[in-house]
Amino acid sequence: MRLLERLRHGACFRRAQPHPDALRDSILDHLRRVLNTRRGHAPLDPAFGLPVELLSNATASARLATDVARLITRYEPRLLGVRVTPHEAPPPLHGPRFTIEGRLTGTGTVIEATTRMTASGCVILEIPRH
């Protein structure tokens, strides 16, 4: 978990592993933040976020998948073996869609989420129900 999450949960002085569900939720929350930041809008790191030109280009899904995988690998070290697979969005949906897969550090538990984009450009992460 990130520092503020540990402080909020009272775990700032413990080194115990967080519960896998809490770790998964923390990672997914961080991925939402990363994927909804546009490149160049984070003052401390201009490379943080997704490039706007790729988000608005429906034919750039393979390149965007590569960028998303690189972004997750760089900014979310708790997720290993990241794979991002592009999907065609059905006509009423906006923007590119992806499946994101990776393993939690320490446990190796697989996390899978799909993305969709709202009309306003917000990236939504959805967790499949198994």
N, C-alpha and C. Protein backbone atom coordinates (compact mmCIF):
# COMPACT_ATOMS: atom_id res chain seq x y z
N MET A 1 0.84 -1.17 0.00
CA MET A 1 0.00 0.00 0.00
C MET A 1 0.88 1.24 0.00
N ARG A 2 0.35 2.32 -0.50
CA ARG A 2 1.09 3.57 -0.50
C ARG A 2 1.06 4.18 0.90
N LEU A 3 1.95 5.11 1.16
CA LEU A 3 2.14 5.68 2.49
C LEU A 3 0.84 6.22 3.09
N LEU A 4 0.11 7.03 2.36
CA LEU A 4 -1.11 7.61 2.93
C LEU A 4 -2.17 6.55 3.22
N GLU A 5 -2.20 5.50 2.41
CA GLU A 5 -3.14 4.41 2.69
C GLU A 5 -2.74 3.68 3.97
N ARG A 6 -1.44 3.47 4.18
CA ARG A 6 -0.98 2.81 5.41
C ARG A 6 -1.31 3.67 6.62
N LEU A 7 -1.11 4.98 6.50
CA LEU A 7 -1.42 5.88 7.61
C LEU A 7 -2.92 5.86 7.92
N ARG A 8 -3.73 5.88 6.87
CA ARG A 8 -5.18 5.90 7.06
C ARG A 8 -5.65 4.61 7.72
N HIS A 9 -5.00 3.48 7.42
CA HIS A 9 -5.40 2.19 7.99
C HIS A 9 -4.63 1.86 9.27
N GLY A 10 -3.80 2.79 9.74
CA GLY A 10 -3.08 2.57 10.99
C GLY A 10 -1.95 1.57 10.88
N ALA A 11 -1.43 1.37 9.69
CA ALA A 11 -0.39 0.36 9.51
C ALA A 11 0.98 0.99 9.26
N CYS A 12 1.18 2.23 9.68
CA CYS A 12 2.41 2.93 9.31
C CYS A 12 3.65 2.34 9.95
N PHE A 13 3.53 1.64 11.06
CA PHE A 13 4.72 1.12 11.72
C PHE A 13 4.87 -0.39 11.57
N ARG A 14 3.96 -1.01 10.86
CA ARG A 14 4.05 -2.45 10.65
C ARG A 14 4.69 -2.72 9.30
N ARG A 15 5.41 -3.81 9.20
CA ARG A 15 5.99 -4.22 7.92
C ARG A 15 5.28 -5.46 7.39
N ALA A 16 4.17 -5.83 8.00
CA ALA A 16 3.43 -7.01 7.56
C ALA A 16 2.85 -6.76 6.17
N GLN A 17 2.69 -7.83 5.42
CA GLN A 17 2.10 -7.72 4.09
C GLN A 17 0.62 -7.33 4.23
N PRO A 18 0.15 -6.40 3.40
CA PRO A 18 -1.27 -6.06 3.44
C PRO A 18 -2.10 -7.24 2.92
N HIS A 19 -3.34 -7.27 3.31
CA HIS A 19 -4.26 -8.30 2.81
C HIS A 19 -4.31 -8.21 1.29
N PRO A 20 -4.33 -9.35 0.59
CA PRO A 20 -4.32 -9.30 -0.88
C PRO A 20 -5.45 -8.46 -1.48
N ASP A 21 -6.64 -8.47 -0.86
CA ASP A 21 -7.74 -7.66 -1.39
C ASP A 21 -7.44 -6.17 -1.25
N ALA A 22 -6.85 -5.79 -0.11
CA ALA A 22 -6.49 -4.38 0.10
C ALA A 22 -5.40 -3.96 -0.87
N LEU A 23 -4.44 -4.83 -1.11
CA LEU A 23 -3.37 -4.55 -2.06
C LEU A 23 -3.94 -4.42 -3.47
N ARG A 24 -4.81 -5.34 -3.86
CA ARG A 24 -5.44 -5.28 -5.18
C ARG A 24 -6.22 -3.98 -5.36
N ASP A 25 -7.01 -3.61 -4.34
CA ASP A 25 -7.80 -2.38 -4.42
C ASP A 25 -6.91 -1.15 -4.51
N SER A 26 -5.81 -1.16 -3.78
CA SER A 26 -4.86 -0.05 -3.83
C SER A 26 -4.25 0.09 -5.22
N ILE A 27 -3.86 -1.04 -5.80
CA ILE A 27 -3.27 -1.03 -7.14
C ILE A 27 -4.27 -0.55 -8.17
N LEU A 28 -5.50 -1.05 -8.11
CA LEU A 28 -6.52 -0.62 -9.06
C LEU A 28 -6.83 0.86 -8.92
N ASP A 29 -6.86 1.36 -7.69
CA ASP A 29 -7.08 2.79 -7.47
C ASP A 29 -5.95 3.60 -8.09
N HIS A 30 -4.72 3.14 -7.89
CA HIS A 30 -3.58 3.85 -8.47
C HIS A 30 -3.61 3.79 -9.99
N LEU A 31 -3.99 2.64 -10.56
CA LEU A 31 -4.09 2.54 -12.02
C LEU A 31 -5.14 3.50 -12.56
N ARG A 32 -6.25 3.66 -11.85
CA ARG A 32 -7.27 4.63 -12.27
C ARG A 32 -6.67 6.03 -12.35
N ARG A 33 -5.88 6.37 -11.35
CA ARG A 33 -5.26 7.70 -11.33
C ARG A 33 -4.26 7.86 -12.47
N VAL A 34 -3.44 6.84 -12.68
CA VAL A 34 -2.43 6.89 -13.74
C VAL A 34 -3.11 7.01 -15.11
N LEU A 35 -4.13 6.19 -15.36
CA LEU A 35 -4.77 6.16 -16.67
C LEU A 35 -5.66 7.38 -16.93
N ASN A 36 -6.04 8.10 -15.88
CA ASN A 36 -6.86 9.29 -16.07
C ASN A 36 -6.05 10.59 -16.02
N THR A 37 -4.75 10.48 -15.95
CA THR A 37 -3.88 11.65 -16.03
C THR A 37 -3.37 11.74 -17.46
N ARG A 38 -3.44 12.91 -18.03
CA ARG A 38 -2.94 13.11 -19.39
C ARG A 38 -1.47 13.51 -19.33
N ARG A 39 -0.69 12.94 -20.23
CA ARG A 39 0.75 13.19 -20.25
C ARG A 39 1.00 14.70 -20.31
N GLY A 40 1.94 15.13 -19.46
CA GLY A 40 2.29 16.54 -19.41
C GLY A 40 1.53 17.32 -18.34
N HIS A 41 0.57 16.69 -17.67
CA HIS A 41 -0.24 17.39 -16.66
C HIS A 41 0.23 17.14 -15.24
N ALA A 42 1.25 16.32 -15.04
CA ALA A 42 1.80 16.07 -13.71
C ALA A 42 3.09 16.89 -13.59
N PRO A 43 3.08 17.95 -12.80
CA PRO A 43 4.24 18.85 -12.75
C PRO A 43 5.55 18.18 -12.36
N LEU A 44 5.51 17.15 -11.52
CA LEU A 44 6.74 16.52 -11.08
C LEU A 44 7.32 15.53 -12.09
N ASP A 45 6.50 15.06 -13.02
CA ASP A 45 6.97 14.08 -14.00
C ASP A 45 6.19 14.26 -15.31
N PRO A 46 6.76 14.96 -16.28
CA PRO A 46 6.04 15.21 -17.54
C PRO A 46 5.70 13.94 -18.33
N ALA A 47 6.39 12.82 -18.06
CA ALA A 47 6.11 11.57 -18.78
C ALA A 47 4.95 10.79 -18.16
N PHE A 48 4.47 11.21 -16.99
CA PHE A 48 3.39 10.52 -16.28
C PHE A 48 2.08 10.75 -17.03
N GLY A 49 1.33 9.68 -17.27
CA GLY A 49 0.01 9.80 -17.89
C GLY A 49 -0.02 9.32 -19.33
N LEU A 50 -1.23 9.29 -19.88
CA LEU A 50 -1.45 8.82 -21.24
C LEU A 50 -1.40 9.99 -22.23
N PRO A 51 -0.86 9.74 -23.43
CA PRO A 51 -0.83 10.79 -24.45
C PRO A 51 -2.22 11.04 -25.03
N VAL A 52 -2.63 12.29 -25.05
CA VAL A 52 -3.97 12.66 -25.53
C VAL A 52 -4.18 12.26 -26.98
N GLU A 53 -3.16 12.43 -27.82
CA GLU A 53 -3.34 12.14 -29.25
C GLU A 53 -3.66 10.67 -29.51
N LEU A 54 -3.16 9.78 -28.69
CA LEU A 54 -3.48 8.36 -28.88
C LEU A 54 -4.88 8.03 -28.39
N LEU A 55 -5.33 8.72 -27.35
CA LEU A 55 -6.66 8.44 -26.81
C LEU A 55 -7.76 8.81 -27.80
N SER A 56 -7.51 9.82 -28.63
CA SER A 56 -8.53 10.27 -29.56
C SER A 56 -8.44 9.59 -30.91
N ASN A 57 -7.47 8.68 -31.08
CA ASN A 57 -7.26 8.01 -32.36
C ASN A 57 -7.65 6.54 -32.22
N ALA A 58 -8.78 6.18 -32.80
CA ALA A 58 -9.29 4.81 -32.66
C ALA A 58 -8.37 3.78 -33.32
N THR A 59 -7.57 4.16 -34.31
CA THR A 59 -6.72 3.21 -35.01
C THR A 59 -5.38 3.00 -34.31
N ALA A 60 -5.13 3.71 -33.25
CA ALA A 60 -3.84 3.63 -32.57
C ALA A 60 -3.89 2.67 -31.38
N SER A 61 -4.82 1.73 -31.35
CA SER A 61 -5.00 0.91 -30.15
C SER A 61 -3.79 0.03 -29.83
N ALA A 62 -3.09 -0.49 -30.84
CA ALA A 62 -1.91 -1.32 -30.55
C ALA A 62 -0.79 -0.47 -29.93
N ARG A 63 -0.58 0.71 -30.47
CA ARG A 63 0.44 1.61 -29.90
C ARG A 63 0.04 2.07 -28.51
N LEU A 64 -1.23 2.35 -28.32
CA LEU A 64 -1.71 2.76 -27.01
C LEU A 64 -1.57 1.63 -26.00
N ALA A 65 -1.83 0.39 -26.42
CA ALA A 65 -1.66 -0.76 -25.52
C ALA A 65 -0.22 -0.86 -25.06
N THR A 66 0.73 -0.64 -25.97
CA THR A 66 2.15 -0.65 -25.62
C THR A 66 2.47 0.46 -24.64
N ASP A 67 1.93 1.67 -24.89
CA ASP A 67 2.16 2.80 -23.97
C ASP A 67 1.55 2.54 -22.60
N VAL A 68 0.36 1.95 -22.56
CA VAL A 68 -0.30 1.65 -21.29
C VAL A 68 0.52 0.63 -20.51
N ALA A 69 1.00 -0.41 -21.17
CA ALA A 69 1.82 -1.43 -20.49
C ALA A 69 3.10 -0.81 -19.95
N ARG A 70 3.74 0.03 -20.74
CA ARG A 70 4.98 0.70 -20.30
C ARG A 70 4.69 1.63 -19.11
N LEU A 71 3.59 2.34 -19.17
CA LEU A 71 3.21 3.27 -18.10
C LEU A 71 2.95 2.51 -16.80
N ILE A 72 2.21 1.41 -16.88
CA ILE A 72 1.91 0.61 -15.68
C ILE A 72 3.18 0.00 -15.12
N THR A 73 4.03 -0.52 -15.98
CA THR A 73 5.28 -1.13 -15.52
C THR A 73 6.15 -0.10 -14.80
N ARG A 74 6.17 1.11 -15.30
CA ARG A 74 7.01 2.16 -14.70
C ARG A 74 6.43 2.70 -13.40
N TYR A 75 5.12 2.93 -13.35
CA TYR A 75 4.53 3.64 -12.22
C TYR A 75 3.78 2.76 -11.22
N GLU A 76 3.66 1.48 -11.50
CA GLU A 76 3.00 0.59 -10.55
C GLU A 76 3.86 -0.66 -10.35
N PRO A 77 4.93 -0.53 -9.54
CA PRO A 77 5.87 -1.64 -9.36
C PRO A 77 5.31 -2.82 -8.58
N ARG A 78 4.14 -2.67 -7.97
CA ARG A 78 3.53 -3.78 -7.23
C ARG A 78 2.86 -4.78 -8.16
N LEU A 79 2.81 -4.44 -9.45
CA LEU A 79 2.19 -5.31 -10.45
C LEU A 79 3.28 -5.78 -11.41
N LEU A 80 3.45 -7.11 -11.50
CA LEU A 80 4.51 -7.69 -12.32
C LEU A 80 3.94 -8.39 -13.55
N GLY A 81 4.76 -8.53 -14.58
CA GLY A 81 4.34 -9.26 -15.78
C GLY A 81 3.13 -8.65 -16.43
N VAL A 82 3.10 -7.33 -16.55
CA VAL A 82 1.93 -6.61 -17.07
C VAL A 82 1.72 -6.92 -18.55
N ARG A 83 0.49 -7.30 -18.89
CA ARG A 83 0.08 -7.49 -20.29
C ARG A 83 -1.15 -6.63 -20.54
N VAL A 84 -1.13 -5.92 -21.65
CA VAL A 84 -2.27 -5.08 -22.04
C VAL A 84 -2.71 -5.52 -23.43
N THR A 85 -3.97 -5.94 -23.54
CA THR A 85 -4.51 -6.45 -24.79
C THR A 85 -5.61 -5.50 -25.28
N PRO A 86 -5.46 -4.93 -26.49
CA PRO A 86 -6.50 -4.04 -27.01
C PRO A 86 -7.71 -4.83 -27.51
N HIS A 87 -8.88 -4.20 -27.43
CA HIS A 87 -10.13 -4.78 -27.94
C HIS A 87 -10.85 -3.72 -28.75
N GLU A 88 -11.60 -4.15 -29.73
CA GLU A 88 -12.43 -3.22 -30.48
C GLU A 88 -13.62 -2.82 -29.62
N ALA A 89 -13.90 -1.53 -29.58
CA ALA A 89 -15.04 -1.05 -28.82
C ALA A 89 -16.30 -1.13 -29.69
N PRO A 90 -17.40 -1.66 -29.14
CA PRO A 90 -18.66 -1.66 -29.90
C PRO A 90 -19.07 -0.22 -30.22
N PRO A 91 -19.81 0.00 -31.30
CA PRO A 91 -20.13 1.35 -31.78
C PRO A 91 -20.64 2.36 -30.75
N PRO A 92 -21.52 2.02 -29.80
CA PRO A 92 -21.97 3.10 -28.92
C PRO A 92 -20.92 3.54 -27.90
N LEU A 93 -19.83 2.77 -27.74
CA LEU A 93 -18.81 3.11 -26.75
C LEU A 93 -17.77 4.04 -27.35
N HIS A 94 -17.10 4.77 -26.49
CA HIS A 94 -16.11 5.76 -26.91
C HIS A 94 -14.71 5.26 -26.63
N GLY A 95 -13.79 5.58 -27.51
CA GLY A 95 -12.38 5.35 -27.26
C GLY A 95 -11.98 3.89 -27.22
N PRO A 96 -10.69 3.66 -27.04
CA PRO A 96 -10.15 2.30 -27.02
C PRO A 96 -10.51 1.55 -25.75
N ARG A 97 -10.52 0.22 -25.85
CA ARG A 97 -10.77 -0.67 -24.71
C ARG A 97 -9.60 -1.64 -24.60
N PHE A 98 -9.25 -2.00 -23.34
CA PHE A 98 -8.14 -2.90 -23.10
C PHE A 98 -8.46 -3.86 -21.98
N THR A 99 -7.76 -4.99 -21.98
CA THR A 99 -7.71 -5.84 -20.81
C THR A 99 -6.30 -5.71 -20.25
N ILE A 100 -6.21 -5.47 -18.96
CA ILE A 100 -4.92 -5.34 -18.28
C ILE A 100 -4.79 -6.53 -17.34
N GLU A 101 -3.65 -7.23 -17.45
CA GLU A 101 -3.37 -8.37 -16.57
C GLU A 101 -1.99 -8.22 -15.97
N GLY A 102 -1.84 -8.67 -14.73
CA GLY A 102 -0.55 -8.68 -14.07
C GLY A 102 -0.63 -9.49 -12.79
N ARG A 103 0.53 -9.72 -12.16
CA ARG A 103 0.58 -10.49 -10.92
C ARG A 103 1.01 -9.58 -9.78
N LEU A 104 0.41 -9.78 -8.61
CA LEU A 104 0.80 -9.03 -7.42
C LEU A 104 2.19 -9.45 -6.97
N THR A 105 3.00 -8.48 -6.59
CA THR A 105 4.31 -8.82 -6.04
C THR A 105 4.09 -9.58 -4.73
N GLY A 106 4.94 -10.50 -4.47
CA GLY A 106 4.86 -11.26 -3.22
C GLY A 106 3.96 -12.46 -3.31
N THR A 107 2.71 -12.29 -3.73
CA THR A 107 1.76 -13.41 -3.74
C THR A 107 1.63 -14.06 -5.11
N GLY A 108 1.88 -13.33 -6.17
CA GLY A 108 1.71 -13.86 -7.51
C GLY A 108 0.26 -13.94 -7.96
N THR A 109 -0.66 -13.44 -7.12
CA THR A 109 -2.08 -13.44 -7.46
C THR A 109 -2.30 -12.62 -8.73
N VAL A 110 -3.08 -13.16 -9.65
CA VAL A 110 -3.34 -12.48 -10.92
C VAL A 110 -4.44 -11.45 -10.74
N ILE A 111 -4.19 -10.26 -11.27
CA ILE A 111 -5.20 -9.20 -11.31
C ILE A 111 -5.57 -9.00 -12.77
N GLU A 112 -6.85 -8.88 -13.04
CA GLU A 112 -7.32 -8.61 -14.39
C GLU A 112 -8.37 -7.52 -14.32
N ALA A 113 -8.29 -6.58 -15.23
CA ALA A 113 -9.28 -5.51 -15.31
C ALA A 113 -9.44 -5.12 -16.78
N THR A 114 -10.62 -4.66 -17.13
CA THR A 114 -10.85 -4.12 -18.46
C THR A 114 -11.10 -2.64 -18.34
N THR A 115 -10.78 -1.93 -19.41
CA THR A 115 -10.99 -0.49 -19.41
C THR A 115 -12.09 -0.14 -20.40
N ARG A 116 -12.73 0.96 -20.12
CA ARG A 116 -13.62 1.59 -21.10
C ARG A 116 -13.50 3.08 -20.89
N MET A 117 -13.85 3.83 -21.89
CA MET A 117 -13.72 5.28 -21.79
C MET A 117 -15.10 5.92 -21.91
N THR A 118 -15.36 6.88 -21.04
CA THR A 118 -16.62 7.61 -21.10
C THR A 118 -16.55 8.67 -22.20
N ALA A 119 -17.69 9.26 -22.52
CA ALA A 119 -17.74 10.30 -23.54
C ALA A 119 -16.87 11.49 -23.17
N SER A 120 -16.67 11.71 -21.87
CA SER A 120 -15.84 12.84 -21.43
C SER A 120 -14.35 12.51 -21.39
N GLY A 121 -13.98 11.26 -21.73
CA GLY A 121 -12.58 10.88 -21.76
C GLY A 121 -12.05 10.24 -20.49
N CYS A 122 -12.91 9.98 -19.54
CA CYS A 122 -12.50 9.33 -18.29
C CYS A 122 -12.34 7.83 -18.53
N VAL A 123 -11.22 7.28 -18.07
CA VAL A 123 -10.97 5.84 -18.20
C VAL A 123 -11.55 5.13 -16.98
N ILE A 124 -12.41 4.16 -17.22
CA ILE A 124 -13.05 3.38 -16.17
C ILE A 124 -12.41 1.99 -16.15
N LEU A 125 -12.00 1.52 -14.98
CA LEU A 125 -11.50 0.16 -14.83
C LEU A 125 -12.62 -0.72 -14.30
N GLU A 126 -12.86 -1.83 -14.97
CA GLU A 126 -13.89 -2.76 -14.54
C GLU A 126 -13.23 -4.10 -14.23
N ILE A 127 -13.59 -4.68 -13.09
CA ILE A 127 -13.04 -5.96 -12.70
C ILE A 127 -14.03 -7.04 -13.07
N PRO A 128 -13.61 -8.02 -13.90
CA PRO A 128 -14.54 -9.08 -14.28
C PRO A 128 -14.97 -9.91 -13.08
N ARG A 129 -16.20 -10.31 -13.06
CA ARG A 129 -16.71 -11.18 -12.00
C ARG A 129 -16.56 -12.63 -12.45
N HIS A 130 -15.87 -13.42 -11.65
CA HIS A 130 -15.65 -14.83 -12.03
C HIS A 130 -16.56 -15.72 -11.24
